[in-house]
Amino acid sequence: MDPQTGRAGFAAGLFVVVTSLMMLPFQDWDSAAFIVTVLTLGVGLTFLGIVIFAVRRSLK
């Protein structure tokens, strides 16, 4: 994997995770926005995991 691609993927995933974590405390637990924020956090964490796995695999 190209190092620039790994950095870009990591930066994008980190942006999604940090943004959703910053929004989470301000959401009502009973609102649809809370569910969307939690799902976004899950997708961001999954994406970061995939990027980290791909980068580590390409180093071997």
C-alpha atoms as a PDB file:
ATOM      1  CA  MET A   1       0.000   0.000   0.000  1.00  0.00           C
ATOM      2  CA  ASP A   2       1.246   3.457  -0.877  1.00  0.00           C
ATOM      3  CA  PRO A   3       2.120   5.422   2.287  1.00  0.00           C
ATOM      4  CA  GLN A   4       0.142   8.449   1.092  1.00  0.00           C
ATOM      5  CA  THR A   5      -2.962   6.296   0.638  1.00  0.00           C
ATOM      6  CA  GLY A   6      -2.625   4.924   4.161  1.00  0.00           C
ATOM      7  CA  ARG A   7      -2.181   8.405   5.620  1.00  0.00           C
ATOM      8  CA  ALA A   8      -5.173   9.758   3.713  1.00  0.00           C
ATOM      9  CA  GLY A   9      -7.373   6.856   4.808  1.00  0.00           C
ATOM     10  CA  PHE A  10      -6.252   7.191   8.407  1.00  0.00           C
ATOM     11  CA  ALA A  11      -6.870  10.953   8.378  1.00  0.00           C
ATOM     12  CA  ALA A  12     -10.357  10.516   6.892  1.00  0.00           C
ATOM     13  CA  GLY A  13     -11.275   7.810   9.400  1.00  0.00           C
ATOM     14  CA  LEU A  14      -9.911   9.809  12.299  1.00  0.00           C
ATOM     15  CA  PHE A  15     -11.884  12.856  11.177  1.00  0.00           C
ATOM     16  CA  VAL A  16     -15.129  10.859  11.142  1.00  0.00           C
ATOM     17  CA  VAL A  17     -14.457   9.316  14.569  1.00  0.00           C
ATOM     18  CA  VAL A  18     -13.405  12.561  16.268  1.00  0.00           C
ATOM     19  CA  THR A  19     -16.293  14.519  14.772  1.00  0.00           C
ATOM     20  CA  SER A  20     -18.872  11.948  15.858  1.00  0.00           C
ATOM     21  CA  LEU A  21     -17.341  11.743  19.338  1.00  0.00           C
ATOM     22  CA  MET A  22     -17.555  15.522  19.670  1.00  0.00           C
ATOM     23  CA  MET A  23     -21.231  15.522  18.636  1.00  0.00           C
ATOM     24  CA  LEU A  24     -22.295  12.570  20.782  1.00  0.00           C
ATOM     25  CA  PRO A  25     -22.621  14.341  24.178  1.00  0.00           C
ATOM     26  CA  PHE A  26     -24.933  16.968  22.702  1.00  0.00           C
ATOM     27  CA  GLN A  27     -27.484  14.516  21.269  1.00  0.00           C
ATOM     28  CA  ASP A  28     -30.685  13.462  23.020  1.00  0.00           C
ATOM     29  CA  TRP A  29     -30.768   9.736  23.709  1.00  0.00           C
ATOM     30  CA  ASP A  30     -34.276   9.438  22.259  1.00  0.00           C
ATOM     31  CA  SER A  31     -33.574  11.218  18.981  1.00  0.00           C
ATOM     32  CA  ALA A  32     -32.787   9.821  15.567  1.00  0.00           C
ATOM     33  CA  ALA A  33     -29.677  12.009  15.430  1.00  0.00           C
ATOM     34  CA  PHE A  34     -28.207  10.031  18.340  1.00  0.00           C
ATOM     35  CA  ILE A  35     -28.649   6.774  16.424  1.00  0.00           C
ATOM     36  CA  VAL A  36     -27.062   8.260  13.306  1.00  0.00           C
ATOM     37  CA  THR A  37     -24.135   9.583  15.343  1.00  0.00           C
ATOM     38  CA  VAL A  38     -23.549   6.200  16.985  1.00  0.00           C
ATOM     39  CA  LEU A  39     -23.733   4.449  13.613  1.00  0.00           C
ATOM     40  CA  THR A  40     -21.283   6.970  12.167  1.00  0.00           C
ATOM     41  CA  LEU A  41     -18.916   6.308  15.053  1.00  0.00           C
ATOM     42  CA  GLY A  42     -19.146   2.580  14.388  1.00  0.00           C
ATOM     43  CA  VAL A  43     -18.487   3.008  10.667  1.00  0.00           C
ATOM     44  CA  GLY A  44     -15.527   5.294  11.377  1.00  0.00           C
ATOM     45  CA  LEU A  45     -13.991   2.858  13.851  1.00  0.00           C
ATOM     46  CA  THR A  46     -14.508  -0.029  11.437  1.00  0.00           C
ATOM     47  CA  PHE A  47     -12.891   1.946   8.625  1.00  0.00           C
ATOM     48  CA  LEU A  48      -9.925   2.833  10.850  1.00  0.00           C
ATOM     49  CA  GLY A  49      -9.528  -0.832  11.754  1.00  0.00           C
ATOM     50  CA  ILE A  50      -9.520  -1.853   8.101  1.00  0.00           C
ATOM     51  CA  VAL A  51      -6.966   0.829   7.211  1.00  0.00           C
ATOM     52  CA  ILE A  52      -4.696  -0.139  10.105  1.00  0.00           C
ATOM     53  CA  PHE A  53      -4.971  -3.833   9.184  1.00  0.00           C
ATOM     54  CA  ALA A  54      -4.180  -3.111   5.514  1.00  0.00           C
ATOM     55  CA  VAL A  55      -1.183  -0.943   6.337  1.00  0.00           C
ATOM     56  CA  ARG A  56       0.261  -3.462   8.780  1.00  0.00           C
ATOM     57  CA  ARG A  57      -0.287  -6.282   6.301  1.00  0.00           C
ATOM     58  CA  SER A  58       1.464  -4.388   3.532  1.00  0.00           C
ATOM     59  CA  LEU A  59       4.534  -3.804   5.731  1.00  0.00           C
ATOM     60  CA  LYS A  60       5.257  -7.541   5.973  1.00  0.00           C
END
